[in-house]
N, C-alpha and C. Protein backbone atom coordinates (compact mmCIF):
# COMPACT_ATOMS: atom_id res chain seq x y z
N MET A 1 -28.12 22.27 -4.64
CA MET A 1 -27.64 22.07 -3.13
C MET A 1 -27.77 23.43 -2.26
N GLU A 2 -28.43 23.05 -1.38
CA GLU A 2 -28.64 24.43 -0.36
C GLU A 2 -27.32 24.85 0.17
N PRO A 3 -27.32 26.38 0.11
CA PRO A 3 -26.09 26.85 1.37
C PRO A 3 -25.81 26.31 2.50
N GLU A 4 -26.89 25.65 3.34
CA GLU A 4 -26.90 25.43 4.69
C GLU A 4 -26.09 23.96 4.44
N SER A 5 -26.30 23.10 3.61
CA SER A 5 -25.63 21.93 3.74
C SER A 5 -23.94 21.98 3.39
N VAL A 6 -23.77 23.06 2.89
CA VAL A 6 -22.23 23.47 2.49
C VAL A 6 -21.46 23.56 3.99
N LEU A 7 -22.37 24.41 4.66
CA LEU A 7 -21.87 24.92 5.98
C LEU A 7 -22.15 23.94 7.02
N ASP A 8 -23.14 23.05 6.78
CA ASP A 8 -23.40 21.90 8.10
C ASP A 8 -22.30 21.32 8.68
N GLY A 9 -21.74 21.41 9.95
CA GLY A 9 -20.82 20.85 10.57
C GLY A 9 -19.39 21.83 10.61
N LEU A 10 -19.48 22.82 9.93
CA LEU A 10 -18.34 23.68 9.73
C LEU A 10 -17.69 24.21 10.96
N GLY A 11 -16.43 23.71 11.33
CA GLY A 11 -15.69 23.82 12.52
C GLY A 11 -15.89 23.15 13.38
N SER A 12 -16.57 21.81 13.49
CA SER A 12 -17.02 20.96 14.34
C SER A 12 -16.60 19.41 13.78
N GLU A 13 -16.84 19.44 12.34
CA GLU A 13 -16.78 18.07 11.78
C GLU A 13 -15.50 18.36 10.79
N TRP A 14 -14.54 17.57 11.14
CA TRP A 14 -13.46 17.43 10.16
C TRP A 14 -13.09 16.27 9.39
N GLU A 15 -13.59 16.59 7.98
CA GLU A 15 -13.45 15.75 6.93
C GLU A 15 -11.77 15.12 6.65
N THR A 16 -11.04 15.90 7.07
CA THR A 16 -9.74 15.18 6.60
C THR A 16 -9.35 14.03 7.64
N SER A 17 -10.01 13.87 8.82
CA SER A 17 -9.86 12.65 9.63
C SER A 17 -10.67 11.25 8.79
N LYS A 18 -10.74 11.19 7.69
CA LYS A 18 -11.54 10.57 7.04
C LYS A 18 -10.72 10.12 5.71
N ILE A 19 -9.74 10.76 5.83
CA ILE A 19 -8.97 10.46 4.68
C ILE A 19 -7.98 9.20 4.68
N THR A 20 -7.98 8.28 3.54
CA THR A 20 -7.12 7.21 3.80
C THR A 20 -5.95 7.33 3.49
N ILE A 21 -4.69 6.65 3.90
CA ILE A 21 -3.43 7.06 3.32
C ILE A 21 -2.99 5.93 3.01
N LYS A 22 -2.81 5.59 2.03
CA LYS A 22 -2.19 4.30 1.33
C LYS A 22 -0.48 3.59 2.20
N PRO A 23 -0.77 2.73 2.85
CA PRO A 23 0.32 2.19 3.58
C PRO A 23 1.85 1.68 2.45
N TYR A 24 1.05 1.31 1.05
CA TYR A 24 1.81 1.02 -0.12
C TYR A 24 1.77 1.71 -1.14
N PRO A 25 2.85 2.27 -1.87
CA PRO A 25 2.66 3.16 -3.09
C PRO A 25 2.14 2.39 -4.38
N VAL A 26 1.21 1.64 -4.36
CA VAL A 26 0.75 0.93 -5.16
C VAL A 26 -0.60 1.03 -5.23
N CYS A 27 -1.32 0.14 -6.38
CA CYS A 27 -2.82 0.51 -6.71
C CYS A 27 -3.88 -0.10 -5.33
N GLN A 28 -4.57 0.97 -5.04
CA GLN A 28 -5.43 0.62 -3.73
C GLN A 28 -5.93 -0.61 -3.89
N LEU A 29 -6.44 -1.39 -5.17
CA LEU A 29 -7.02 -2.20 -5.22
C LEU A 29 -6.39 -3.58 -5.01
N SER A 30 -4.78 -3.49 -4.84
CA SER A 30 -3.86 -4.61 -3.98
C SER A 30 -3.94 -4.51 -2.53
N HIS A 31 -4.37 -3.76 -1.90
CA HIS A 31 -3.86 -3.37 -0.57
C HIS A 31 -4.21 -4.28 0.35
N ALA A 32 -5.56 -4.51 0.22
CA ALA A 32 -5.99 -5.79 1.44
C ALA A 32 -5.37 -6.90 1.15
N SER A 33 -5.20 -7.20 -0.05
CA SER A 33 -4.48 -8.53 -0.61
C SER A 33 -3.02 -8.65 -0.08
N LEU A 34 -2.12 -7.47 0.18
CA LEU A 34 -0.85 -7.61 0.28
C LEU A 34 -1.13 -7.34 1.68
N ASP A 35 -1.82 -6.58 2.74
CA ASP A 35 -2.06 -6.94 4.15
C ASP A 35 -2.35 -8.28 4.54
N ALA A 36 -3.20 -8.97 3.83
CA ALA A 36 -3.33 -10.63 4.12
C ALA A 36 -2.06 -11.19 4.22
N LEU A 37 -1.46 -10.92 2.96
CA LEU A 37 0.06 -11.51 2.75
C LEU A 37 1.00 -11.43 3.77
N SER A 38 0.87 -10.24 4.11
CA SER A 38 1.89 -9.56 5.15
C SER A 38 1.98 -10.55 6.62
N GLN A 39 0.68 -10.87 6.95
CA GLN A 39 0.70 -11.45 8.21
C GLN A 39 1.05 -12.78 8.01
N LEU A 40 1.90 -13.38 6.82
CA LEU A 40 2.29 -14.84 6.88
C LEU A 40 3.74 -14.48 6.55
N LEU A 41 4.17 -13.38 6.58
CA LEU A 41 5.82 -13.08 6.13
C LEU A 41 6.61 -14.00 7.44
N GLY A 42 6.24 -13.88 8.57
CA GLY A 42 7.23 -14.75 9.23
C GLY A 42 7.10 -16.02 9.43
N GLU A 43 6.03 -16.52 8.53
CA GLU A 43 5.93 -18.28 8.71
C GLU A 43 6.32 -18.90 7.46
N ILE A 44 7.00 -18.06 6.94
CA ILE A 44 7.56 -18.94 5.27
C ILE A 44 9.02 -18.66 5.51
N PRO A 45 9.56 -19.86 6.04
CA PRO A 45 11.29 -19.91 5.83
C PRO A 45 11.88 -19.94 4.97
N ASP A 46 11.27 -20.40 3.90
CA ASP A 46 12.06 -20.50 2.50
C ASP A 46 10.98 -20.38 1.29
N LEU A 47 11.45 -19.30 0.58
CA LEU A 47 10.57 -19.11 -0.75
C LEU A 47 10.64 -19.91 -1.71
N ALA A 48 11.49 -20.81 -1.89
CA ALA A 48 11.79 -21.74 -2.86
C ALA A 48 10.59 -22.83 -2.68
N MET A 49 10.28 -22.92 -1.48
CA MET A 49 9.40 -24.06 -1.15
C MET A 49 7.81 -23.74 -1.57
N ILE A 50 7.23 -22.55 -1.77
CA ILE A 50 6.35 -21.99 -2.35
C ILE A 50 5.89 -22.44 -3.78
N GLU A 51 4.54 -23.39 -3.66
CA GLU A 51 4.38 -23.90 -4.74
C GLU A 51 3.35 -22.65 -5.62
N ALA A 52 2.39 -22.08 -4.62
CA ALA A 52 1.65 -20.97 -5.32
C ALA A 52 0.94 -20.07 -4.35
N ILE A 53 0.54 -18.80 -4.73
CA ILE A 53 0.22 -17.81 -3.98
C ILE A 53 -1.44 -17.83 -4.57
N ASP A 54 -2.36 -17.86 -4.02
CA ASP A 54 -3.53 -18.09 -4.35
C ASP A 54 -4.45 -16.65 -3.81
N PHE A 55 -4.76 -15.60 -4.53
CA PHE A 55 -5.67 -14.36 -4.11
C PHE A 55 -7.15 -14.62 -4.54
N ASP A 56 -8.01 -14.21 -3.38
CA ASP A 56 -9.23 -14.23 -3.67
C ASP A 56 -9.81 -12.60 -4.20
N ILE A 57 -9.88 -12.13 -5.26
CA ILE A 57 -10.02 -10.96 -5.83
C ILE A 57 -11.43 -10.45 -6.32
N PRO A 58 -11.95 -9.39 -5.79
CA PRO A 58 -13.18 -9.00 -6.34
C PRO A 58 -13.16 -8.92 -8.16
N ASN A 59 -14.05 -9.34 -8.66
CA ASN A 59 -14.37 -9.48 -10.23
C ASN A 59 -13.69 -8.12 -10.71
N GLU A 60 -14.10 -7.08 -10.05
CA GLU A 60 -13.87 -5.79 -10.94
C GLU A 60 -12.43 -5.49 -10.71
N SER A 61 -11.39 -6.13 -9.74
CA SER A 61 -10.41 -5.69 -9.72
C SER A 61 -9.53 -6.22 -10.60
N ILE A 62 -9.88 -7.42 -11.13
CA ILE A 62 -8.99 -8.56 -12.06
C ILE A 62 -8.34 -7.32 -13.20
N PRO A 63 -9.16 -7.03 -14.01
CA PRO A 63 -8.84 -6.07 -15.16
C PRO A 63 -7.45 -5.23 -14.86
N VAL A 64 -7.51 -4.60 -13.44
CA VAL A 64 -6.89 -3.55 -12.95
C VAL A 64 -5.57 -4.07 -12.59
N VAL A 65 -5.51 -5.32 -11.48
CA VAL A 65 -4.25 -5.73 -11.13
C VAL A 65 -3.95 -6.78 -11.44
N CYS A 66 -4.55 -7.77 -12.13
CA CYS A 66 -4.18 -9.09 -12.24
C CYS A 66 -4.01 -9.63 -13.94
N GLU A 67 -4.68 -8.73 -14.54
CA GLU A 67 -4.65 -9.05 -16.22
C GLU A 67 -4.15 -7.62 -16.66
N PRO A 68 -3.49 -7.89 -18.38
CA PRO A 68 -2.92 -9.42 -18.63
C PRO A 68 -1.86 -9.93 -17.99
N ASN A 69 -1.90 -11.24 -17.91
CA ASN A 69 -0.64 -12.05 -16.92
C ASN A 69 0.76 -11.38 -17.07
N SER A 70 0.72 -11.57 -18.74
CA SER A 70 2.37 -11.23 -18.76
C SER A 70 3.22 -10.20 -18.33
N SER A 71 2.26 -8.84 -18.61
CA SER A 71 2.73 -7.71 -18.17
C SER A 71 2.66 -7.71 -16.69
N LYS A 72 1.96 -8.34 -15.97
CA LYS A 72 1.69 -8.24 -14.71
C LYS A 72 3.08 -8.83 -13.93
N ILE A 73 3.28 -10.13 -14.67
CA ILE A 73 4.43 -10.70 -14.05
C ILE A 73 5.70 -10.38 -14.43
N ARG A 74 5.89 -9.49 -15.72
CA ARG A 74 7.39 -8.91 -16.12
C ARG A 74 6.66 -7.38 -16.56
N PRO A 75 6.39 -6.30 -15.49
CA PRO A 75 6.12 -5.41 -15.91
C PRO A 75 7.09 -4.53 -16.55
N ARG A 76 6.80 -3.76 -17.40
CA ARG A 76 7.64 -2.58 -18.26
C ARG A 76 8.23 -1.44 -17.74
N SER A 77 7.50 -1.04 -16.88
CA SER A 77 7.59 0.15 -16.03
C SER A 77 7.36 0.18 -14.53
N ALA A 78 7.82 1.25 -13.77
CA ALA A 78 7.69 1.19 -12.60
C ALA A 78 5.94 1.43 -12.53
N TYR A 79 5.43 2.35 -13.16
CA TYR A 79 4.18 2.42 -13.06
C TYR A 79 3.16 0.95 -13.29
N GLU A 80 3.45 0.46 -14.42
CA GLU A 80 3.03 -0.84 -14.40
C GLU A 80 3.22 -1.80 -13.59
N ALA A 81 4.15 -1.74 -12.82
CA ALA A 81 4.50 -2.55 -11.88
C ALA A 81 3.52 -2.33 -10.50
N LYS A 82 3.26 -0.98 -10.34
CA LYS A 82 2.36 -0.58 -9.20
C LYS A 82 1.06 -0.98 -9.63
N PHE A 83 0.55 -1.54 -10.79
CA PHE A 83 -0.57 -2.07 -10.92
C PHE A 83 -0.66 -3.57 -11.16
N SER A 84 0.16 -4.26 -10.70
CA SER A 84 0.33 -5.67 -10.94
C SER A 84 0.48 -6.30 -9.39
N LEU A 85 -0.84 -6.91 -8.98
CA LEU A 85 -0.64 -7.54 -7.70
C LEU A 85 0.26 -8.75 -7.54
N ALA A 86 0.40 -9.60 -8.60
CA ALA A 86 1.42 -10.70 -8.78
C ALA A 86 3.04 -10.20 -8.30
N TRP A 87 3.43 -8.87 -9.07
CA TRP A 87 4.77 -8.34 -8.93
C TRP A 87 4.64 -7.84 -7.38
N THR A 88 4.08 -6.97 -7.13
CA THR A 88 4.30 -6.74 -5.48
C THR A 88 3.91 -7.38 -4.77
N ALA A 89 3.29 -8.65 -4.65
CA ALA A 89 3.15 -9.51 -3.99
C ALA A 89 4.51 -10.28 -3.85
N ALA A 90 4.86 -10.53 -4.80
CA ALA A 90 6.31 -11.25 -4.94
C ALA A 90 7.40 -10.46 -4.18
N VAL A 91 7.47 -8.94 -4.49
CA VAL A 91 8.41 -7.89 -3.65
C VAL A 91 8.18 -8.08 -2.25
N LEU A 92 6.76 -8.25 -2.05
CA LEU A 92 6.71 -8.19 -0.14
C LEU A 92 7.19 -9.34 0.37
N LEU A 93 7.18 -10.39 -0.41
CA LEU A 93 7.85 -11.73 -0.09
C LEU A 93 9.38 -11.76 -0.09
N VAL A 94 10.08 -11.33 -1.01
CA VAL A 94 11.18 -11.24 -1.01
C VAL A 94 11.65 -10.19 -0.01
N ASP A 95 11.47 -9.03 0.07
CA ASP A 95 11.86 -7.91 0.56
C ASP A 95 11.36 -7.77 2.15
N GLY A 96 10.09 -8.33 1.97
CA GLY A 96 9.47 -8.16 3.88
C GLY A 96 8.69 -6.74 3.34
N LEU A 97 8.71 -5.79 2.39
CA LEU A 97 8.20 -4.63 2.56
C LEU A 97 7.85 -4.10 1.22
N VAL A 98 7.18 -3.22 1.14
CA VAL A 98 6.59 -2.61 -0.42
C VAL A 98 6.95 -1.02 -0.29
N ASP A 99 7.76 -0.48 -0.85
CA ASP A 99 8.13 0.96 -0.54
C ASP A 99 8.48 1.64 -1.95
N ILE A 100 8.87 3.02 -2.03
CA ILE A 100 9.20 3.38 -3.42
C ILE A 100 10.28 2.89 -3.90
N SER A 101 11.31 2.40 -3.18
CA SER A 101 12.46 1.67 -3.67
C SER A 101 12.31 0.47 -4.24
N SER A 102 11.03 -0.13 -4.09
CA SER A 102 10.80 -1.29 -4.65
C SER A 102 10.56 -1.43 -6.11
N PHE A 103 10.54 -0.36 -6.60
CA PHE A 103 10.33 -0.11 -8.20
C PHE A 103 11.48 0.29 -8.99
N VAL A 104 12.63 0.61 -8.27
CA VAL A 104 13.89 0.97 -9.00
C VAL A 104 14.25 0.01 -9.96
N ASP A 105 14.28 -1.35 -9.46
CA ASP A 105 15.15 -2.19 -10.61
C ASP A 105 13.65 -3.50 -10.55
N LEU A 106 13.16 -3.24 -12.08
CA LEU A 106 12.50 -4.24 -12.12
C LEU A 106 12.83 -5.86 -12.70
N ASP A 107 14.15 -5.49 -12.92
CA ASP A 107 14.68 -6.92 -13.50
C ASP A 107 15.42 -8.03 -12.42
N ARG A 108 14.44 -8.62 -11.50
CA ARG A 108 14.68 -9.39 -10.41
C ARG A 108 14.22 -10.42 -10.63
N SER A 109 14.92 -11.67 -10.62
CA SER A 109 14.59 -12.85 -11.16
C SER A 109 13.98 -13.57 -10.18
N GLU A 110 14.24 -13.23 -9.07
CA GLU A 110 13.59 -14.03 -7.85
C GLU A 110 12.19 -13.34 -7.59
N VAL A 111 11.67 -12.05 -8.12
CA VAL A 111 11.00 -11.49 -7.82
C VAL A 111 10.00 -11.80 -9.21
N ARG A 112 10.34 -12.31 -10.21
CA ARG A 112 9.81 -12.57 -11.46
C ARG A 112 9.39 -14.16 -11.23
N ASP A 113 10.47 -14.72 -10.63
CA ASP A 113 9.93 -16.28 -10.39
C ASP A 113 8.74 -16.43 -9.46
N LEU A 114 8.78 -15.61 -8.42
CA LEU A 114 7.60 -15.58 -7.39
C LEU A 114 6.39 -15.09 -7.87
N ALA A 115 6.57 -13.94 -8.99
CA ALA A 115 5.53 -13.62 -9.36
C ALA A 115 4.45 -14.68 -10.40
N SER A 116 5.21 -15.45 -10.82
CA SER A 116 4.65 -16.23 -11.79
C SER A 116 3.78 -17.31 -10.92
N ARG A 117 4.22 -17.47 -9.88
CA ARG A 117 3.53 -18.50 -8.96
C ARG A 117 2.25 -17.94 -8.35
N VAL A 118 2.07 -16.61 -8.58
CA VAL A 118 0.85 -15.96 -8.24
C VAL A 118 -0.37 -16.19 -8.73
N HIS A 119 -1.79 -16.56 -8.55
CA HIS A 119 -2.89 -16.84 -9.17
C HIS A 119 -3.93 -16.25 -8.22
N TYR A 120 -5.05 -16.22 -8.78
CA TYR A 120 -6.26 -15.53 -8.29
C TYR A 120 -7.57 -16.01 -8.81
N ARG A 121 -8.62 -16.02 -7.97
CA ARG A 121 -10.02 -16.35 -8.03
C ARG A 121 -10.80 -15.14 -7.84
N GLY A 122 -11.56 -14.89 -9.23
CA GLY A 122 -12.42 -13.85 -8.88
C GLY A 122 -13.82 -14.16 -8.13
N TYR A 123 -14.56 -13.08 -7.48
CA TYR A 123 -15.55 -13.20 -6.98
C TYR A 123 -16.52 -11.95 -6.50
N ASP A 124 -17.96 -12.18 -6.53
CA ASP A 124 -18.64 -10.94 -6.31
C ASP A 124 -18.40 -10.37 -5.11
N CYS A 125 -17.73 -9.16 -4.62
CA CYS A 125 -17.41 -8.99 -2.98
C CYS A 125 -18.67 -8.09 -2.49
N GLY A 126 -19.71 -7.51 -3.22
CA GLY A 126 -20.93 -6.95 -3.05
C GLY A 126 -20.76 -5.57 -2.11
N THR A 127 -19.22 -5.15 -2.40
CA THR A 127 -19.13 -3.95 -2.03
C THR A 127 -18.07 -3.05 -3.04
N VAL A 128 -17.76 -2.07 -2.63
CA VAL A 128 -16.73 -1.15 -3.49
C VAL A 128 -15.49 -1.86 -3.15
N PRO A 129 -14.90 -2.44 -4.41
CA PRO A 129 -13.65 -3.28 -4.72
C PRO A 129 -12.67 -2.65 -3.76
N ALA A 130 -12.54 -1.24 -3.59
CA ALA A 130 -11.12 -1.01 -2.67
C ALA A 130 -11.32 -0.99 -1.29
N ASN A 131 -12.46 -1.37 -0.82
CA ASN A 131 -13.08 -1.68 0.62
C ASN A 131 -13.11 -3.27 0.87
N ALA A 132 -13.03 -4.03 -0.43
CA ALA A 132 -13.32 -5.37 -0.12
C ALA A 132 -12.29 -6.12 0.71
N PRO A 133 -12.30 -7.36 1.35
CA PRO A 133 -11.37 -8.07 2.39
C PRO A 133 -10.45 -8.62 1.16
N GLY A 134 -9.25 -9.11 2.16
CA GLY A 134 -8.17 -9.50 1.45
C GLY A 134 -8.13 -10.83 1.87
N ARG A 135 -7.83 -11.66 0.94
CA ARG A 135 -7.73 -13.32 1.57
C ARG A 135 -6.72 -13.86 0.32
N VAL A 136 -5.93 -14.61 1.18
CA VAL A 136 -4.66 -15.56 0.41
C VAL A 136 -4.52 -16.65 0.81
N THR A 137 -3.95 -17.69 0.09
CA THR A 137 -3.52 -18.89 0.44
C THR A 137 -2.24 -19.27 -0.26
N VAL A 138 -1.37 -19.55 0.67
CA VAL A 138 0.31 -19.72 0.18
C VAL A 138 0.30 -21.50 0.33
N SER A 139 0.40 -22.02 -0.87
CA SER A 139 0.47 -23.55 -0.88
C SER A 139 1.84 -24.09 -0.92
N PHE A 140 2.64 -24.70 -0.30
CA PHE A 140 4.00 -25.21 -0.35
C PHE A 140 4.23 -26.76 -1.00
N ARG A 141 5.13 -27.07 -1.43
CA ARG A 141 5.73 -28.04 -2.42
C ARG A 141 5.56 -29.45 -1.60
N GLU A 142 5.26 -29.36 -0.38
CA GLU A 142 5.34 -30.99 0.47
C GLU A 142 3.70 -30.93 0.84
N GLY A 143 2.84 -30.08 0.63
CA GLY A 143 1.64 -30.06 0.64
C GLY A 143 0.88 -29.35 1.62
N THR A 144 1.36 -28.65 2.30
CA THR A 144 0.88 -28.03 3.54
C THR A 144 0.49 -26.28 2.95
N ARG A 145 -0.47 -25.78 3.66
CA ARG A 145 -0.96 -24.27 3.04
C ARG A 145 -0.88 -23.63 4.46
N LEU A 146 -0.80 -22.12 3.98
CA LEU A 146 -1.20 -21.15 5.19
C LEU A 146 -2.19 -20.28 4.20
N THR A 147 -3.11 -19.86 5.38
CA THR A 147 -4.17 -18.73 4.86
C THR A 147 -4.30 -17.44 5.80
N ALA A 148 -4.49 -16.72 5.15
CA ALA A 148 -4.72 -15.28 5.88
C ALA A 148 -5.51 -14.49 5.31
N GLU A 149 -6.61 -13.45 6.28
CA GLU A 149 -7.49 -12.88 5.70
C GLU A 149 -7.08 -11.54 6.72
N THR A 150 -7.91 -10.37 5.87
CA THR A 150 -7.78 -8.99 6.40
C THR A 150 -9.28 -8.74 5.93
N PRO A 151 -9.96 -7.85 7.09
CA PRO A 151 -11.38 -7.56 6.64
C PRO A 151 -11.41 -6.53 5.43
N ALA A 152 -10.29 -5.54 5.75
CA ALA A 152 -10.53 -4.37 4.69
C ALA A 152 -8.81 -3.93 4.80
N SER A 153 -8.37 -3.05 3.85
CA SER A 153 -7.17 -2.77 3.80
C SER A 153 -6.74 -1.29 4.85
N ARG A 154 -5.75 -1.35 5.10
CA ARG A 154 -5.36 -0.41 6.13
C ARG A 154 -5.26 0.98 5.56
N GLY A 155 -5.35 2.02 6.46
CA GLY A 155 -4.93 3.36 6.14
C GLY A 155 -6.16 3.84 6.30
N GLY A 156 -7.45 3.60 6.27
CA GLY A 156 -8.48 4.46 6.59
C GLY A 156 -9.09 4.80 8.05
N PRO A 157 -9.85 5.58 8.38
CA PRO A 157 -10.53 5.93 9.49
C PRO A 157 -10.76 4.76 10.28
N ASN A 158 -11.10 3.77 9.80
CA ASN A 158 -11.45 2.64 10.76
C ASN A 158 -10.13 1.83 11.24
N ASP A 159 -9.06 1.91 10.41
CA ASP A 159 -7.73 1.05 10.86
C ASP A 159 -6.57 2.03 10.14
N PRO A 160 -6.50 3.50 11.08
CA PRO A 160 -5.51 4.07 10.47
C PRO A 160 -4.04 3.99 10.61
N LEU A 161 -3.19 4.19 9.71
CA LEU A 161 -1.64 3.76 10.19
C LEU A 161 -1.26 4.70 11.20
N THR A 162 -0.40 3.81 12.16
CA THR A 162 0.35 4.61 13.30
C THR A 162 1.25 5.94 12.92
N ASP A 163 1.36 6.76 13.83
CA ASP A 163 2.55 7.64 13.79
C ASP A 163 3.67 7.38 13.30
N SER A 164 4.45 6.08 13.44
CA SER A 164 5.37 5.69 13.32
C SER A 164 5.27 5.09 12.00
N GLN A 165 4.23 4.56 11.46
CA GLN A 165 4.04 4.37 9.76
C GLN A 165 4.11 5.32 9.20
N LEU A 166 3.18 6.33 9.45
CA LEU A 166 2.92 7.57 8.65
C LEU A 166 4.28 8.49 8.66
N LYS A 167 5.17 8.72 9.45
CA LYS A 167 6.49 8.93 9.33
C LYS A 167 7.33 8.38 8.60
N LYS A 168 7.18 6.95 8.46
CA LYS A 168 8.10 6.16 7.63
C LYS A 168 7.97 6.52 5.90
N LYS A 169 6.49 6.41 5.87
CA LYS A 169 5.90 6.67 4.65
C LYS A 169 6.56 8.40 4.10
N PHE A 170 6.20 9.09 5.10
CA PHE A 170 6.66 10.73 4.44
C PHE A 170 8.02 10.63 4.27
N PHE A 171 9.03 9.80 5.18
CA PHE A 171 10.43 9.95 5.08
C PHE A 171 10.83 9.38 3.62
N ASP A 172 10.21 8.50 3.44
CA ASP A 172 10.42 7.81 2.11
C ASP A 172 10.27 8.63 1.08
N ASN A 173 9.15 9.47 0.93
CA ASN A 173 8.86 10.18 -0.04
C ASN A 173 9.16 11.66 0.04
N CYS A 174 10.12 11.66 0.90
CA CYS A 174 10.87 12.97 0.98
C CYS A 174 11.88 13.32 0.07
N GLY A 175 12.25 14.26 -0.88
CA GLY A 175 13.52 14.38 -1.90
C GLY A 175 14.77 14.89 -1.25
N PRO A 176 15.77 14.60 -1.63
CA PRO A 176 16.98 15.42 -1.13
C PRO A 176 16.78 16.83 -0.68
N GLU A 177 15.89 17.65 -1.34
CA GLU A 177 15.92 19.50 -0.99
C GLU A 177 15.27 19.07 0.40
N VAL A 178 14.64 18.03 1.02
CA VAL A 178 14.11 18.37 2.44
C VAL A 178 15.12 18.22 3.40
N ALA A 179 15.45 19.12 4.03
CA ALA A 179 16.71 19.38 4.84
C ALA A 179 16.47 18.79 6.22
N ASP A 180 15.26 18.74 6.82
CA ASP A 180 14.84 18.36 7.87
C ASP A 180 13.63 17.82 8.12
N PRO A 181 13.31 16.47 7.07
CA PRO A 181 11.89 15.81 7.41
C PRO A 181 11.43 15.34 8.70
N ASP A 182 12.39 15.53 9.76
CA ASP A 182 11.76 15.10 11.09
C ASP A 182 11.14 16.06 11.90
N ALA A 183 11.73 17.60 11.81
CA ALA A 183 10.99 18.48 12.21
C ALA A 183 9.80 18.98 11.36
N ILE A 184 9.56 18.50 10.09
CA ILE A 184 8.52 18.90 9.49
C ILE A 184 7.18 17.91 9.77
N ALA A 185 7.54 16.38 10.13
CA ALA A 185 6.73 15.48 10.58
C ALA A 185 6.20 15.66 11.86
N ASP A 186 7.14 16.10 12.71
CA ASP A 186 6.88 16.38 14.31
C ASP A 186 5.86 17.50 14.22
N GLY A 187 6.27 18.59 13.51
CA GLY A 187 5.13 19.61 13.52
C GLY A 187 3.84 19.56 13.00
N ILE A 188 3.97 18.55 12.24
CA ILE A 188 2.31 18.17 11.37
C ILE A 188 1.64 17.55 12.29
N LEU A 189 2.42 16.54 12.84
CA LEU A 189 1.61 15.66 14.12
C LEU A 189 1.09 16.21 15.15
N GLY A 190 1.76 17.60 15.50
CA GLY A 190 1.30 18.23 16.64
C GLY A 190 0.58 19.54 16.18
N LEU A 191 0.09 19.55 14.99
CA LEU A 191 -0.87 20.96 14.82
C LEU A 191 -1.72 21.48 15.62
N LYS A 192 -2.24 20.21 16.46
CA LYS A 192 -3.57 20.75 17.43
C LYS A 192 -2.71 21.49 18.47
N GLU A 193 -1.63 21.53 18.84
CA GLU A 193 -1.03 22.17 20.01
C GLU A 193 -0.16 23.47 19.43
N VAL A 194 -0.18 23.64 18.03
CA VAL A 194 0.83 24.72 17.38
C VAL A 194 0.07 25.89 17.37
N GLN A 195 0.83 26.95 17.84
CA GLN A 195 -0.07 28.35 17.59
C GLN A 195 0.10 29.19 16.43
N ASP A 196 1.49 28.81 16.11
CA ASP A 196 2.07 29.54 14.90
C ASP A 196 2.81 28.44 13.99
N LEU A 197 2.40 28.70 12.62
CA LEU A 197 3.02 27.76 11.60
C LEU A 197 4.33 28.17 10.87
N THR A 198 4.88 29.29 11.39
CA THR A 198 6.04 29.96 10.94
C THR A 198 7.23 28.84 11.16
N ASN A 199 7.38 28.10 11.94
CA ASN A 199 8.53 27.08 12.26
C ASN A 199 8.25 26.12 11.16
N ILE A 200 7.02 25.39 11.27
CA ILE A 200 6.83 24.40 10.29
C ILE A 200 7.11 24.92 8.52
N LEU A 201 6.67 26.39 8.36
CA LEU A 201 6.66 26.86 6.98
C LEU A 201 8.11 26.89 6.87
N VAL A 202 9.06 27.42 7.83
CA VAL A 202 10.64 27.68 7.61
C VAL A 202 10.94 26.08 7.15
N HIS A 203 10.98 24.78 7.61
CA HIS A 203 11.27 23.62 7.08
C HIS A 203 10.99 23.31 5.92
N THR A 204 9.63 23.69 5.25
CA THR A 204 8.95 22.96 4.21
C THR A 204 9.41 23.98 3.18
N THR A 205 9.93 25.16 3.18
CA THR A 205 10.34 25.99 1.95
C THR A 205 11.68 25.59 1.20
N ILE A 206 11.67 25.10 0.35
CA ILE A 206 12.78 24.64 -0.49
C ILE A 206 13.24 26.17 -1.48
N PRO A 207 14.62 25.82 -0.78
CA PRO A 207 15.18 27.12 -1.47
C PRO A 207 15.13 27.19 -2.89
N GLU A 208 15.12 28.49 -3.64
CA GLU A 208 15.23 28.60 -5.15
C GLU A 208 16.33 28.44 -5.83
N LYS A 209 16.43 27.47 -6.56
CA LYS A 209 17.71 27.15 -7.34
C LYS A 209 18.29 28.30 -8.27
N ARG A 210 19.47 28.62 -8.31
CA ARG A 210 19.93 29.64 -8.62
C ARG A 210 20.76 29.13 -10.03
């Protein structure tokens, strides 16, 4: 690599603006599917009436978030649950969101029941699986269906999270040691106008335990 290529754009091009921030604390390969399903949340009055939830999934994603089926429906740990499209989709339908608190209790019968109704169809997406669209069809016992699609998962430079969504994710991830997460979030979001980082650093310093 030529030294010039390392310095190209230095001070004018900012790679951090291209970072993708995941809206869900789960495997990226499930994100577009969850985004598509979230579009239908307000249209499903009774979860008991759902017959099946069918996702179109890139073939490469299936071994990661869809199989083996038994551990995806009944994950044995929070880590395993985060790599289960069936379980996280069921949580989204039951709770209306998926955040870090979603993985505290894995023994929820209503979530397991819905997860057992999640199915998938593999296809060749022709792109990187993490950038593939999300497609879902929810079928009801009386015969009707709802469908939704999203071109790609949210959180990247083409569809970034809003400031309020970023702050919610930040607050969810703050531990009890963080005394004033609002001040930190506001300071970071306003870095462009900040001349001195002292005030931000004061709030981000965790007192030493004695």
